[in-house]
Amino acid sequence: MKPAERQDQIIAQLLEHGSVHIMELCERFQVSEGTIRNDLRTLEAQGRLIRTHGGAVPADVAHPVLARRNRAPSTI
């Protein structure tokens, strides 16, 4: 399977389930963790997802932890 095909399937699974996990993707596609990490890095660079510890969530999901991480520090 070509990387672009695998990445499209990762996005489809992400949209269907709301998140993906590296180990599950490794098993599903029979590839290494490094391959999946590269796919997630590529998809994140394209703005299609946000990487999390051990997986990813859709880029348009307002995840509380990610919102705090990306929020600018308050100026008091």
Protein backbone atom coordinates (compact mmCIF):
# COMPACT_ATOMS: atom_id res chain seq x y z
CA MET A 1 0.00 0.00 0.00
CA LYS A 2 1.28 3.43 -0.90
CA PRO A 3 1.73 6.00 1.89
CA ALA A 4 -0.96 8.30 0.46
CA GLU A 5 -3.49 5.45 0.44
CA ARG A 6 -2.62 4.50 4.01
CA GLN A 7 -2.87 8.14 5.11
CA ASP A 8 -6.31 8.47 3.52
CA GLN A 9 -7.43 5.36 5.39
CA ILE A 10 -6.00 6.77 8.63
CA ILE A 11 -8.08 9.93 8.13
CA ALA A 12 -11.17 7.85 7.38
CA GLN A 13 -10.69 5.87 10.59
CA LEU A 14 -10.01 9.07 12.51
CA LEU A 15 -13.25 10.64 11.32
CA GLU A 16 -15.23 7.47 12.02
CA HIS A 17 -13.90 6.86 15.53
CA GLY A 18 -12.85 10.35 16.70
CA SER A 19 -9.27 9.29 17.42
CA VAL A 20 -6.61 6.81 16.32
CA HIS A 21 -3.87 5.03 18.24
CA ILE A 22 -0.45 4.21 16.85
CA MET A 23 -0.41 0.57 17.96
CA GLU A 24 -3.84 -0.12 16.47
CA LEU A 25 -2.75 1.45 13.18
CA CYS A 26 0.44 -0.65 13.18
CA GLU A 27 -1.61 -3.81 13.53
CA ARG A 28 -4.20 -2.78 10.97
CA PHE A 29 -1.69 -1.83 8.27
CA GLN A 30 1.07 -4.30 9.26
CA VAL A 31 3.73 -1.58 9.34
CA SER A 32 6.17 -0.31 11.97
CA GLU A 33 5.54 2.38 14.56
CA GLY A 34 8.03 4.56 12.70
CA THR A 35 5.97 4.32 9.51
CA ILE A 36 2.77 5.30 11.32
CA ARG A 37 4.53 8.14 13.15
CA ASN A 38 5.77 9.45 9.80
CA ASP A 39 2.24 9.24 8.40
CA LEU A 40 0.82 11.13 11.39
CA ARG A 41 3.59 13.74 11.13
CA THR A 42 2.77 14.25 7.43
CA LEU A 43 -0.96 14.50 8.10
CA GLU A 44 -0.37 16.97 10.93
CA ALA A 45 1.80 19.14 8.66
CA GLN A 46 -1.11 19.16 6.18
CA GLY A 47 -3.44 20.34 8.95
CA ARG A 48 -5.56 17.17 8.75
CA LEU A 49 -5.05 16.01 12.35
CA ILE A 50 -3.44 16.86 15.66
CA ARG A 51 -0.98 14.39 17.11
CA THR A 52 -1.46 13.31 20.70
CA HIS A 53 0.48 11.04 23.02
CA GLY A 54 0.20 7.67 21.29
CA GLY A 55 -2.15 8.71 18.51
CA ALA A 56 -4.09 11.57 16.96
CA VAL A 57 -7.42 13.43 16.91
CA PRO A 58 -9.10 15.35 14.07
CA ALA A 59 -7.72 18.84 13.56
CA ASP A 60 -11.14 20.43 14.04
CA VAL A 61 -11.86 18.79 17.41
CA ALA A 62 -11.78 21.14 20.38
CA HIS A 63 -9.91 18.90 22.79
CA PRO A 64 -9.54 20.50 26.25
CA VAL A 65 -5.89 19.54 26.76
CA LEU A 66 -4.92 20.67 23.29
CA ALA A 67 -6.84 23.91 23.71
CA ARG A 68 -4.88 24.68 26.89
CA ARG A 69 -1.60 23.77 25.19
CA ASN A 70 -2.29 26.04 22.22
CA ARG A 71 -3.76 28.94 24.19
CA ALA A 72 -1.64 32.06 24.56
CA PRO A 73 -0.55 32.82 28.14
CA SER A 74 -2.78 35.31 29.88
CA THR A 75 -1.40 38.76 30.55
CA ILE A 76 -2.24 39.81 34.08
